[in-house]
C-alpha atoms as a PDB file:
ATOM      1  CA  MET A   1      71.355 142.136  96.105  1.00  0.00           C
ATOM      2  CA  THR A   2      75.142 142.374  95.740  1.00  0.00           C
ATOM      3  CA  ALA A   3      77.341 139.378  94.992  1.00  0.00           C
ATOM      4  CA  SER A   4      78.991 139.655  98.382  1.00  0.00           C
ATOM      5  CA  GLY A   5      75.678 139.309 100.224  1.00  0.00           C
ATOM      6  CA  PRO A   6      75.531 135.476 100.487  1.00  0.00           C
ATOM      7  CA  ALA A   7      79.180 135.240 101.486  1.00  0.00           C
ATOM      8  CA  ALA A   8      78.729 137.892 104.152  1.00  0.00           C
ATOM      9  CA  ARG A   9      75.678 136.115 105.539  1.00  0.00           C
ATOM     10  CA  ARG A  10      77.570 132.796 105.698  1.00  0.00           C
ATOM     11  CA  ALA A  11      80.476 134.414 107.533  1.00  0.00           C
ATOM     12  CA  ALA A  12      78.112 136.051 110.033  1.00  0.00           C
ATOM     13  CA  ALA A  13      76.292 132.759 110.571  1.00  0.00           C
ATOM     14  CA  LEU A  14      79.558 130.974 111.272  1.00  0.00           C
ATOM     15  CA  ARG A  15      80.549 133.632 113.811  1.00  0.00           C
ATOM     16  CA  ARG A  16      77.200 133.386 115.587  1.00  0.00           C
ATOM     17  CA  GLY A  17      77.256 129.594 115.488  1.00  0.00           C
ATOM     18  CA  GLY A  18      80.525 129.172 117.331  1.00  0.00           C
ATOM     19  CA  TYR A  19      83.037 128.424 114.591  1.00  0.00           C
ATOM     20  CA  GLY A  20      85.743 128.391 117.257  1.00  0.00           C
ATOM     21  CA  ARG A  21      83.870 125.732 119.221  1.00  0.00           C
ATOM     22  CA  TYR A  22      83.641 123.614 116.095  1.00  0.00           C
ATOM     23  CA  LEU A  23      87.399 123.843 115.471  1.00  0.00           C
ATOM     24  CA  ALA A  24      88.200 123.261 119.151  1.00  0.00           C
ATOM     25  CA  ARG A  25      86.223 120.020 119.059  1.00  0.00           C
ATOM     26  CA  ARG A  26      88.174 118.852 116.022  1.00  0.00           C
ATOM     27  CA  ALA A  27      91.494 119.925 117.547  1.00  0.00           C
ATOM     28  CA  ALA A  28      90.752 117.923 120.708  1.00  0.00           C
ATOM     29  CA  GLN A  29      90.050 114.876 118.564  1.00  0.00           C
ATOM     30  CA  GLY A  30      93.373 115.447 116.813  1.00  0.00           C
ATOM     31  CA  VAL A  31      95.246 115.512 120.129  1.00  0.00           C
ATOM     32  CA  PHE A  32      93.618 112.207 121.041  1.00  0.00           C
ATOM     33  CA  VAL A  33      94.703 110.699 117.706  1.00  0.00           C
ATOM     34  CA  LEU A  34      98.308 111.789 118.340  1.00  0.00           C
ATOM     35  CA  TRP A  35      98.277 110.290 121.832  1.00  0.00           C
ATOM     36  CA  ALA A  36      96.772 107.037 120.521  1.00  0.00           C
ATOM     37  CA  ALA A  37      99.350 106.804 117.728  1.00  0.00           C
ATOM     38  CA  PHE A  38     102.220 107.324 120.166  1.00  0.00           C
ATOM     39  CA  THR A  39     100.816 104.842 122.676  1.00  0.00           C
ATOM     40  CA  LEU A  40     100.126 102.099 120.147  1.00  0.00           C
ATOM     41  CA  SER A  41     103.524 102.516 118.519  1.00  0.00           C
ATOM     42  CA  PHE A  42     105.213 102.369 121.933  1.00  0.00           C
ATOM     43  CA  VAL A  43     103.438  99.128 122.855  1.00  0.00           C
ATOM     44  CA  VAL A  44     104.012  97.482 119.478  1.00  0.00           C
ATOM     45  CA  LEU A  45     107.685  98.409 119.378  1.00  0.00           C
ATOM     46  CA  TYR A  46     108.129  97.225 122.981  1.00  0.00           C
ATOM     47  CA  LEU A  47     106.743  93.814 122.033  1.00  0.00           C
ATOM     48  CA  LEU A  48     109.108  93.396 119.082  1.00  0.00           C
ATOM     49  CA  PRO A  49     111.946  90.899 119.560  1.00  0.00           C
ATOM     50  CA  GLY A  50     115.419  92.326 120.026  1.00  0.00           C
ATOM     51  CA  ASP A  51     117.376  94.287 122.617  1.00  0.00           C
ATOM     52  CA  PRO A  52     117.923  98.011 121.912  1.00  0.00           C
ATOM     53  CA  VAL A  53     120.904  98.157 124.268  1.00  0.00           C
ATOM     54  CA  SER A  54     122.616  95.276 122.523  1.00  0.00           C
ATOM     55  CA  ILE A  55     122.028  96.979 119.177  1.00  0.00           C
ATOM     56  CA  MET A  56     123.510 100.214 120.526  1.00  0.00           C
ATOM     57  CA  LEU A  57     126.637  98.367 121.649  1.00  0.00           C
ATOM     58  CA  ASN A  58     126.909  96.419 118.381  1.00  0.00           C
ATOM     59  CA  ALA A  59     126.430  93.181 120.255  1.00  0.00           C
ATOM     60  CA  THR A  60     124.433  90.075 119.500  1.00  0.00           C
ATOM     61  CA  GLY A  61     120.867  89.754 120.647  1.00  0.00           C
ATOM     62  CA  ASP A  62     121.816  87.859 123.795  1.00  0.00           C
ATOM     63  CA  GLY A  63     124.441  90.400 124.849  1.00  0.00           C
ATOM     64  CA  VAL A  64     127.452  88.083 124.509  1.00  0.00           C
ATOM     65  CA  GLY A  65     130.757  89.944 124.613  1.00  0.00           C
ATOM     66  CA  VAL A  66     129.359  93.126 126.184  1.00  0.00           C
ATOM     67  CA  ASP A  67     130.552  94.553 129.493  1.00  0.00           C
ATOM     68  CA  PRO A  68     127.662  94.092 131.989  1.00  0.00           C
ATOM     69  CA  GLY A  69     128.486  97.425 133.593  1.00  0.00           C
ATOM     70  CA  ALA A  70     128.169  99.247 130.271  1.00  0.00           C
ATOM     71  CA  VAL A  71     124.871  97.493 129.608  1.00  0.00           C
ATOM     72  CA  ALA A  72     123.515  98.468 133.029  1.00  0.00           C
ATOM     73  CA  ALA A  73     124.621 102.100 132.626  1.00  0.00           C
ATOM     74  CA  LEU A  74     123.009 102.360 129.210  1.00  0.00           C
ATOM     75  CA  ARG A  75     119.796 100.805 130.448  1.00  0.00           C
ATOM     76  CA  ALA A  76     119.662 103.295 133.332  1.00  0.00           C
ATOM     77  CA  GLU A  77     120.350 106.207 130.961  1.00  0.00           C
ATOM     78  CA  HIS A  78     117.401 105.282 128.741  1.00  0.00           C
ATOM     79  CA  HIS A  79     115.158 104.168 131.661  1.00  0.00           C
ATOM     80  CA  LEU A  80     115.102 100.630 130.260  1.00  0.00           C
ATOM     81  CA  ASP A  81     115.707  99.227 133.743  1.00  0.00           C
ATOM     82  CA  SER A  82     112.330 100.587 134.898  1.00  0.00           C
ATOM     83  CA  SER A  83     108.881  99.102 134.516  1.00  0.00           C
ATOM     84  CA  LEU A  84     106.941  99.456 131.256  1.00  0.00           C
ATOM     85  CA  VAL A  85     104.672 102.127 132.731  1.00  0.00           C
ATOM     86  CA  VAL A  86     107.619 104.240 133.871  1.00  0.00           C
ATOM     87  CA  GLN A  87     109.292 103.878 130.476  1.00  0.00           C
ATOM     88  CA  TYR A  88     106.072 104.955 128.787  1.00  0.00           C
ATOM     89  CA  LEU A  89     105.666 108.030 131.012  1.00  0.00           C
ATOM     90  CA  TYR A  90     109.265 109.121 130.409  1.00  0.00           C
ATOM     91  CA  ALA A  91     108.869 108.594 126.663  1.00  0.00           C
ATOM     92  CA  LEU A  92     105.539 110.455 126.579  1.00  0.00           C
ATOM     93  CA  ALA A  93     106.958 113.412 128.517  1.00  0.00           C
ATOM     94  CA  ASP A  94     109.925 113.626 126.148  1.00  0.00           C
ATOM     95  CA  ALA A  95     107.662 113.319 123.100  1.00  0.00           C
ATOM     96  CA  VAL A  96     105.485 116.197 124.294  1.00  0.00           C
ATOM     97  CA  CYS A  97     108.655 118.289 124.376  1.00  0.00           C
ATOM     98  CA  GLY A  98     109.561 117.126 120.868  1.00  0.00           C
ATOM     99  CA  ASP A  99     112.316 114.756 121.983  1.00  0.00           C
ATOM    100  CA  PHE A 100     112.121 111.208 120.599  1.00  0.00           C
ATOM    101  CA  GLY A 101     115.623 110.231 121.629  1.00  0.00           C
ATOM    102  CA  SER A 102     118.519 109.298 119.372  1.00  0.00           C
ATOM    103  CA  SER A 103     118.953 106.866 116.529  1.00  0.00           C
ATOM    104  CA  ILE A 104     120.275 103.513 117.743  1.00  0.00           C
ATOM    105  CA  PRO A 105     122.802 102.840 114.924  1.00  0.00           C
ATOM    106  CA  THR A 106     124.065 106.423 114.420  1.00  0.00           C
ATOM    107  CA  GLY A 107     123.348 108.257 117.667  1.00  0.00           C
ATOM    108  CA  GLU A 108     121.862 111.181 115.722  1.00  0.00           C
ATOM    109  CA  PRO A 109     118.839 112.869 117.355  1.00  0.00           C
ATOM    110  CA  VAL A 110     115.605 111.579 115.849  1.00  0.00           C
ATOM    111  CA  THR A 111     114.202 115.058 115.254  1.00  0.00           C
ATOM    112  CA  ARG A 112     117.322 116.038 113.306  1.00  0.00           C
ATOM    113  CA  ALA A 113     117.219 112.896 111.151  1.00  0.00           C
ATOM    114  CA  ILE A 114     113.548 113.486 110.336  1.00  0.00           C
ATOM    115  CA  ALA A 115     114.095 117.217 109.714  1.00  0.00           C
ATOM    116  CA  GLU A 116     116.838 116.444 107.186  1.00  0.00           C
ATOM    117  CA  ALA A 117     114.704 113.932 105.284  1.00  0.00           C
ATOM    118  CA  LEU A 118     111.361 115.735 105.513  1.00  0.00           C
ATOM    119  CA  PRO A 119     111.860 118.578 102.960  1.00  0.00           C
ATOM    120  CA  GLN A 120     112.402 116.169 100.062  1.00  0.00           C
ATOM    121  CA  THR A 121     109.294 114.151 100.919  1.00  0.00           C
ATOM    122  CA  LEU A 122     107.218 117.304 101.446  1.00  0.00           C
ATOM    123  CA  ALA A 123     108.272 118.593  98.025  1.00  0.00           C
ATOM    124  CA  LEU A 124     107.400 115.249  96.428  1.00  0.00           C
ATOM    125  CA  THR A 125     104.042 115.087  98.211  1.00  0.00           C
ATOM    126  CA  ALA A 126     103.150 118.712  97.408  1.00  0.00           C
ATOM    127  CA  VAL A 127     103.873 118.345  93.689  1.00  0.00           C
ATOM    128  CA  SER A 128     102.107 114.973  93.565  1.00  0.00           C
ATOM    129  CA  PHE A 129      99.058 116.295  95.380  1.00  0.00           C
ATOM    130  CA  THR A 130      98.836 119.302  93.054  1.00  0.00           C
ATOM    131  CA  LEU A 131      99.042 117.062  89.997  1.00  0.00           C
ATOM    132  CA  ALA A 132      96.462 114.687  91.466  1.00  0.00           C
ATOM    133  CA  VAL A 133      93.968 117.470  92.175  1.00  0.00           C
ATOM    134  CA  LEU A 134      94.400 119.113  88.773  1.00  0.00           C
ATOM    135  CA  ALA A 135      94.358 115.901  86.763  1.00  0.00           C
ATOM    136  CA  GLY A 136      91.671 114.153  88.811  1.00  0.00           C
ATOM    137  CA  GLY A 137      89.429 117.201  88.996  1.00  0.00           C
ATOM    138  CA  GLY A 138      89.892 117.977  85.315  1.00  0.00           C
ATOM    139  CA  LEU A 139      89.104 114.399  84.315  1.00  0.00           C
ATOM    140  CA  ALA A 140      85.971 114.356  86.480  1.00  0.00           C
ATOM    141  CA  LEU A 141      84.729 117.657  85.050  1.00  0.00           C
ATOM    142  CA  LEU A 142      85.475 116.564  81.508  1.00  0.00           C
ATOM    143  CA  SER A 143      83.859 113.143  81.856  1.00  0.00           C
ATOM    144  CA  THR A 144      80.643 114.640  83.246  1.00  0.00           C
ATOM    145  CA  SER A 145      80.556 117.469  80.706  1.00  0.00           C
ATOM    146  CA  VAL A 146      80.884 115.606  77.411  1.00  0.00           C
ATOM    147  CA  ARG A 147      77.628 114.488  75.813  1.00  0.00           C
ATOM    148  CA  TRP A 148      79.006 111.816  73.469  1.00  0.00           C
ATOM    149  CA  ARG A 149      78.435 108.604  75.407  1.00  0.00           C
ATOM    150  CA  PRO A 150      81.328 106.511  74.005  1.00  0.00           C
ATOM    151  CA  LEU A 151      83.851 109.187  74.947  1.00  0.00           C
ATOM    152  CA  ARG A 152      82.217 109.623  78.335  1.00  0.00           C
ATOM    153  CA  ARG A 153      82.496 105.893  79.032  1.00  0.00           C
ATOM    154  CA  VAL A 154      86.169 105.873  78.059  1.00  0.00           C
ATOM    155  CA  LEU A 155      86.888 108.800  80.368  1.00  0.00           C
ATOM    156  CA  LEU A 156      84.949 107.263  83.256  1.00  0.00           C
ATOM    157  CA  SER A 157      86.889 103.984  82.858  1.00  0.00           C
ATOM    158  CA  LEU A 158      90.250 105.687  83.432  1.00  0.00           C
ATOM    159  CA  PRO A 159      89.941 106.315  87.221  1.00  0.00           C
ATOM    160  CA  PRO A 160      89.296 102.646  88.150  1.00  0.00           C
ATOM    161  CA  LEU A 161      92.285 101.687  86.006  1.00  0.00           C
ATOM    162  CA  GLY A 162      94.499 104.208  87.787  1.00  0.00           C
ATOM    163  CA  VAL A 163      93.400 102.957  91.204  1.00  0.00           C
ATOM    164  CA  SER A 164      94.042  99.299  90.381  1.00  0.00           C
ATOM    165  CA  VAL A 165      97.551  99.665  88.904  1.00  0.00           C
ATOM    166  CA  PRO A 166     100.348  99.142  91.508  1.00  0.00           C
ATOM    167  CA  THR A 167     102.381 102.252  92.266  1.00  0.00           C
ATOM    168  CA  PHE A 168     105.764 100.576  91.833  1.00  0.00           C
ATOM    169  CA  TRP A 169     104.696  99.291  88.386  1.00  0.00           C
ATOM    170  CA  ILE A 170     103.828 102.827  87.272  1.00  0.00           C
ATOM    171  CA  GLY A 171     107.242 103.989  88.456  1.00  0.00           C
ATOM    172  CA  LEU A 172     109.062 101.242  86.592  1.00  0.00           C
ATOM    173  CA  ILE A 173     107.142 101.971  83.364  1.00  0.00           C
ATOM    174  CA  LEU A 174     107.934 105.692  83.623  1.00  0.00           C
ATOM    175  CA  LEU A 175     111.603 104.901  84.231  1.00  0.00           C
ATOM    176  CA  GLN A 176     111.737 102.638  81.200  1.00  0.00           C
ATOM    177  CA  LEU A 177     110.003 105.112  78.875  1.00  0.00           C
ATOM    178  CA  PHE A 178     111.271 108.529  79.954  1.00  0.00           C
ATOM    179  CA  SER A 179     114.615 107.791  81.629  1.00  0.00           C
ATOM    180  CA  PHE A 180     116.205 104.814  79.914  1.00  0.00           C
ATOM    181  CA  ARG A 181     114.753 105.232  76.408  1.00  0.00           C
ATOM    182  CA  ALA A 182     113.914 108.901  75.899  1.00  0.00           C
ATOM    183  CA  GLN A 183     116.446 110.094  78.519  1.00  0.00           C
ATOM    184  CA  LEU A 184     114.289 113.101  79.340  1.00  0.00           C
ATOM    185  CA  PHE A 185     114.431 112.802  83.126  1.00  0.00           C
ATOM    186  CA  PRO A 186     116.996 111.371  85.558  1.00  0.00           C
ATOM    187  CA  ALA A 187     116.260 107.916  86.886  1.00  0.00           C
ATOM    188  CA  THR A 188     117.504 108.436  90.441  1.00  0.00           C
ATOM    189  CA  GLY A 189     118.534 111.097  92.909  1.00  0.00           C
ATOM    190  CA  ASN A 190     117.251 114.376  94.303  1.00  0.00           C
ATOM    191  CA  ALA A 191     119.108 116.820  92.054  1.00  0.00           C
ATOM    192  CA  GLY A 192     116.805 119.528  90.732  1.00  0.00           C
ATOM    193  CA  PHE A 193     113.170 119.690  89.731  1.00  0.00           C
ATOM    194  CA  SER A 194     113.655 117.307  86.819  1.00  0.00           C
ATOM    195  CA  ALA A 195     114.420 114.483  89.264  1.00  0.00           C
ATOM    196  CA  LEU A 196     111.058 115.194  90.928  1.00  0.00           C
ATOM    197  CA  VAL A 197     108.871 114.857  87.821  1.00  0.00           C
ATOM    198  CA  LEU A 198     108.677 111.068  87.410  1.00  0.00           C
ATOM    199  CA  PRO A 199     108.310 110.291  91.168  1.00  0.00           C
ATOM    200  CA  ALA A 200     105.583 112.949  91.449  1.00  0.00           C
ATOM    201  CA  ILE A 201     103.643 111.504  88.504  1.00  0.00           C
ATOM    202  CA  THR A 202     104.026 107.993  89.916  1.00  0.00           C
ATOM    203  CA  LEU A 203     102.602 109.071  93.259  1.00  0.00           C
ATOM    204  CA  ALA A 204      99.903 111.267  91.701  1.00  0.00           C
ATOM    205  CA  VAL A 205      98.328 108.640  89.420  1.00  0.00           C
ATOM    206  CA  PRO A 206      96.485 106.549  92.071  1.00  0.00           C
ATOM    207  CA  THR A 207      95.591 109.630  94.123  1.00  0.00           C
ATOM    208  CA  GLY A 208      94.251 111.548  91.130  1.00  0.00           C
ATOM    209  CA  ALA A 209      92.298 108.454  90.070  1.00  0.00           C
ATOM    210  CA  VAL A 210      90.575 108.352  93.474  1.00  0.00           C
ATOM    211  CA  PHE A 211      89.736 112.056  93.253  1.00  0.00           C
ATOM    212  CA  ALA A 212      88.361 111.649  89.734  1.00  0.00           C
ATOM    213  CA  GLN A 213      86.296 108.602  90.655  1.00  0.00           C
ATOM    214  CA  VAL A 214      84.668 110.224  93.705  1.00  0.00           C
ATOM    215  CA  LEU A 215      84.159 113.639  92.119  1.00  0.00           C
ATOM    216  CA  ALA A 216      82.714 112.245  88.868  1.00  0.00           C
ATOM    217  CA  LYS A 217      80.213 110.135  90.780  1.00  0.00           C
ATOM    218  CA  ASN A 218      79.049 113.068  92.891  1.00  0.00           C
ATOM    219  CA  LEU A 219      78.926 115.453  89.946  1.00  0.00           C
ATOM    220  CA  ALA A 220      76.677 112.984  88.136  1.00  0.00           C
ATOM    221  CA  ALA A 221      74.446 112.835  91.214  1.00  0.00           C
ATOM    222  CA  ALA A 222      74.404 116.628  91.455  1.00  0.00           C
ATOM    223  CA  TRP A 223      73.215 116.895  87.859  1.00  0.00           C
ATOM    224  CA  ARG A 224      70.144 114.873  88.826  1.00  0.00           C
ATOM    225  CA  SER A 225      69.305 117.206  91.718  1.00  0.00           C
ATOM    226  CA  PRO A 226      66.340 119.611  91.672  1.00  0.00           C
ATOM    227  CA  PHE A 227      68.530 122.719  91.945  1.00  0.00           C
ATOM    228  CA  VAL A 228      70.065 121.887  88.554  1.00  0.00           C
ATOM    229  CA  GLU A 229      66.617 121.833  86.975  1.00  0.00           C
ATOM    230  CA  THR A 230      65.952 125.209  88.562  1.00  0.00           C
ATOM    231  CA  ALA A 231      69.223 126.574  87.186  1.00  0.00           C
ATOM    232  CA  ARG A 232      68.365 125.266  83.741  1.00  0.00           C
ATOM    233  CA  ALA A 233      64.944 126.887  83.927  1.00  0.00           C
ATOM    234  CA  LYS A 234      66.677 130.206  84.627  1.00  0.00           C
ATOM    235  CA  GLY A 235      68.603 129.836  81.388  1.00  0.00           C
ATOM    236  CA  LEU A 236      72.055 129.274  82.892  1.00  0.00           C
ATOM    237  CA  SER A 237      74.640 127.637  80.649  1.00  0.00           C
ATOM    238  CA  ARG A 238      75.859 124.081  81.204  1.00  0.00           C
ATOM    239  CA  THR A 239      79.362 125.323  82.051  1.00  0.00           C
ATOM    240  CA  HIS A 240      77.997 127.805  84.603  1.00  0.00           C
ATOM    241  CA  ILE A 241      75.915 125.115  86.289  1.00  0.00           C
ATOM    242  CA  GLN A 242      78.850 122.697  86.317  1.00  0.00           C
ATOM    243  CA  LEU A 243      81.353 125.112  87.879  1.00  0.00           C
ATOM    244  CA  ARG A 244      79.127 127.190  90.159  1.00  0.00           C
ATOM    245  CA  HIS A 245      76.537 124.696  91.396  1.00  0.00           C
ATOM    246  CA  ALA A 246      77.315 121.039  90.666  1.00  0.00           C
ATOM    247  CA  LEU A 247      81.026 121.309  91.499  1.00  0.00           C
ATOM    248  CA  ARG A 248      80.377 122.972  94.836  1.00  0.00           C
ATOM    249  CA  ASN A 249      77.945 120.287  95.943  1.00  0.00           C
ATOM    250  CA  GLY A 250      80.020 117.455  94.529  1.00  0.00           C
ATOM    251  CA  SER A 251      83.283 118.568  96.139  1.00  0.00           C
ATOM    252  CA  ILE A 252      82.218 117.821  99.745  1.00  0.00           C
ATOM    253  CA  PRO A 253      83.028 114.070  99.532  1.00  0.00           C
ATOM    254  CA  VAL A 254      86.362 114.904  97.879  1.00  0.00           C
ATOM    255  CA  LEU A 255      87.257 117.086 100.860  1.00  0.00           C
ATOM    256  CA  THR A 256      86.409 114.148 103.098  1.00  0.00           C
ATOM    257  CA  ILE A 257      88.923 111.828 101.465  1.00  0.00           C
ATOM    258  CA  ILE A 258      91.732 114.389 101.248  1.00  0.00           C
ATOM    259  CA  GLY A 259      92.907 113.646 104.783  1.00  0.00           C
ATOM    260  CA  ILE A 260      93.002 109.908 104.118  1.00  0.00           C
ATOM    261  CA  THR A 261      94.652 110.416 100.742  1.00  0.00           C
ATOM    262  CA  VAL A 262      97.497 112.518 102.139  1.00  0.00           C
ATOM    263  CA  GLY A 263      98.266 109.733 104.603  1.00  0.00           C
ATOM    264  CA  GLN A 264      98.266 107.235 101.739  1.00  0.00           C
ATOM    265  CA  MET A 265     100.610 109.478  99.772  1.00  0.00           C
ATOM    266  CA  LEU A 266     103.079 109.494 102.670  1.00  0.00           C
ATOM    267  CA  ALA A 267     102.889 105.704 102.746  1.00  0.00           C
ATOM    268  CA  GLY A 268     103.306 105.580  98.973  1.00  0.00           C
ATOM    269  CA  ALA A 269     106.395 107.785  99.279  1.00  0.00           C
ATOM    270  CA  VAL A 270     108.193 104.806 100.834  1.00  0.00           C
ATOM    271  CA  VAL A 271     107.707 102.812  97.622  1.00  0.00           C
ATOM    272  CA  VAL A 272     108.324 105.713  95.249  1.00  0.00           C
ATOM    273  CA  GLU A 273     111.491 106.917  96.965  1.00  0.00           C
ATOM    274  CA  THR A 274     112.784 103.352  96.932  1.00  0.00           C
ATOM    275  CA  VAL A 275     112.099 102.904  93.212  1.00  0.00           C
ATOM    276  CA  PHE A 276     113.728 106.236  92.303  1.00  0.00           C
ATOM    277  CA  SER A 277     116.466 106.082  94.989  1.00  0.00           C
ATOM    278  CA  ARG A 278     115.448 109.379  96.551  1.00  0.00           C
ATOM    279  CA  ASN A 279     116.550 110.463 100.011  1.00  0.00           C
ATOM    280  CA  GLY A 280     113.488 111.284 102.085  1.00  0.00           C
ATOM    281  CA  ILE A 281     111.111 110.004 104.719  1.00  0.00           C
ATOM    282  CA  GLY A 282     110.498 106.853 102.684  1.00  0.00           C
ATOM    283  CA  ARG A 283     114.175 105.961 102.525  1.00  0.00           C
ATOM    284  CA  LEU A 284     114.589 106.829 106.228  1.00  0.00           C
ATOM    285  CA  THR A 285     111.658 104.542 107.089  1.00  0.00           C
ATOM    286  CA  GLU A 286     113.106 101.682 105.076  1.00  0.00           C
ATOM    287  CA  GLU A 287     116.531 102.005 106.709  1.00  0.00           C
ATOM    288  CA  SER A 288     115.062 102.363 110.207  1.00  0.00           C
ATOM    289  CA  VAL A 289     112.932  99.244 109.872  1.00  0.00           C
ATOM    290  CA  ALA A 290     115.863  97.248 108.510  1.00  0.00           C
ATOM    291  CA  ALA A 291     118.087  98.382 111.404  1.00  0.00           C
ATOM    292  CA  GLN A 292     115.356  98.006 114.079  1.00  0.00           C
ATOM    293  CA  ASP A 293     115.882 101.678 114.910  1.00  0.00           C
ATOM    294  CA  ILE A 294     112.982 101.959 117.358  1.00  0.00           C
ATOM    295  CA  PRO A 295     113.273 105.690 118.257  1.00  0.00           C
ATOM    296  CA  VAL A 296     113.297 106.758 114.602  1.00  0.00           C
ATOM    297  CA  ILE A 297     110.397 104.439 113.764  1.00  0.00           C
ATOM    298  CA  GLN A 298     108.328 105.873 116.599  1.00  0.00           C
ATOM    299  CA  GLY A 299     109.165 109.414 115.532  1.00  0.00           C
ATOM    300  CA  LEU A 300     108.043 108.611 111.987  1.00  0.00           C
ATOM    301  CA  VAL A 301     104.777 107.105 113.245  1.00  0.00           C
ATOM    302  CA  VAL A 302     104.010 110.236 115.255  1.00  0.00           C
ATOM    303  CA  LEU A 303     104.978 112.425 112.284  1.00  0.00           C
ATOM    304  CA  SER A 304     102.546 110.550 110.043  1.00  0.00           C
ATOM    305  CA  ALA A 305      99.807 110.939 112.651  1.00  0.00           C
ATOM    306  CA  LEU A 306     100.591 114.652 112.969  1.00  0.00           C
ATOM    307  CA  VAL A 307     100.312 115.180 109.210  1.00  0.00           C
ATOM    308  CA  PHE A 308      97.039 113.255 109.198  1.00  0.00           C
ATOM    309  CA  VAL A 309      95.667 115.381 112.048  1.00  0.00           C
ATOM    310  CA  LEU A 310      96.729 118.709 110.533  1.00  0.00           C
ATOM    311  CA  VAL A 311      95.316 117.902 107.102  1.00  0.00           C
ATOM    312  CA  ASN A 312      92.021 116.712 108.549  1.00  0.00           C
ATOM    313  CA  LEU A 313      91.834 119.781 110.786  1.00  0.00           C
ATOM    314  CA  ALA A 314      92.310 121.989 107.734  1.00  0.00           C
ATOM    315  CA  VAL A 315      89.581 120.056 105.908  1.00  0.00           C
ATOM    316  CA  ASP A 316      87.254 120.406 108.910  1.00  0.00           C
ATOM    317  CA  ALA A 317      87.938 124.139 108.923  1.00  0.00           C
ATOM    318  CA  VAL A 318      86.904 124.392 105.259  1.00  0.00           C
ATOM    319  CA  TYR A 319      83.731 122.305 105.651  1.00  0.00           C
ATOM    320  CA  PRO A 320      81.481 125.034 107.123  1.00  0.00           C
ATOM    321  CA  LEU A 321      82.751 127.543 104.567  1.00  0.00           C
ATOM    322  CA  VAL A 322      81.806 125.272 101.666  1.00  0.00           C
ATOM    323  CA  ASP A 323      78.568 124.001 103.205  1.00  0.00           C
ATOM    324  CA  PRO A 324      77.039 126.255 105.927  1.00  0.00           C
ATOM    325  CA  ARG A 325      74.663 123.422 106.867  1.00  0.00           C
ATOM    326  CA  ILE A 326      77.552 121.864 108.821  1.00  0.00           C
ATOM    327  CA  GLY A 327      77.833 125.014 110.908  1.00  0.00           C
ATOM    328  CA  ARG A 328      74.090 124.954 111.584  1.00  0.00           C
ATOM    329  CA  LEU A 329      74.382 121.314 112.642  1.00  0.00           C
ATOM    330  CA  GLU A 330      77.055 122.270 115.172  1.00  0.00           C
ATOM    331  CA  ARG A 331      74.835 125.050 116.525  1.00  0.00           C
ATOM    332  CA  ARG A 332      71.978 122.612 117.078  1.00  0.00           C
ATOM    333  CA  ARG A 333      74.293 120.033 118.648  1.00  0.00           C
ATOM    334  CA  ALA A 334      75.776 122.406 121.245  1.00  0.00           C
ATOM    335  CA  PRO A 335      72.556 123.025 123.254  1.00  0.00           C
ATOM    336  CA  GLN A 336      71.712 119.319 123.191  1.00  0.00           C
ATOM    337  CA  GLU A 337      75.119 118.418 124.634  1.00  0.00           C
ATOM    338  CA  ALA A 338      74.782 121.140 127.265  1.00  0.00           C
ATOM    339  CA  LEU A 339      71.453 119.705 128.425  1.00  0.00           C
ATOM    340  CA  ALA A 340      72.896 116.191 128.475  1.00  0.00           C
END
């Protein structure tokens, strides 16, 4: 049998089992998550104290010193003189079209403000995620491969330590060691790749620790599985079993937490970009919250939900390719739902 035989059979099984139906189900769930995030953010921001119109006109919260005619015109322009339901429907219709309004303090369109800040945060997140996967995966493979127990225990104790250390503390330590003392990397700013190194490491440490902790635990469980004994009986090397069999079975839970981890990395970017004075989504979030810039805050909430949905959809798309049993489960579920 050729090496491509199993892969070809899995691809054919996925086609017969309705891979498109599986993805459509996940995409529909993603649309619901986006709608829920927008709705909850709209309600929460509506309940916050403060008057957006007064903020726009640089007035006090009670509107003292503001022309009543200007206030009424601005309220009518932004539908703030309508009921809550009407405001929500207008806002939802605009959001579907990609329009989240304008920033209250600056008047800049929300989409433009986010688009200007997003590339820096995406670069930081991409580099951090790559470092986390490489370092966390490498540590998990190494800790489950070594046979000397003292070294194995030391390696397995590193992930819990990385998870428990606060992110801002890691950033401050890296600044002290590599910026102020060694002067190898800049302490602040967005200029060049060198300014990205320390923030990326700071953000990657807790994420890589989570990956290492989950993957090491599942690799250890995979080594106790019957298929490993079968592989050993066939004379396969320990490295071959680790990379071709144990890693594949142990990586499923890691795929599960990737979607959650990416959302946590976006949240951690707020802290990291503040510590290193980087201009990005984190800095924009901090400034928007301080200024009570409701349109920008809502746009950022929806952006975070969109990233969460897209990452989880990509993970769901990979699931059946890594483990065809998920595709078979979907095939069995479809007739049951049709009968129901």
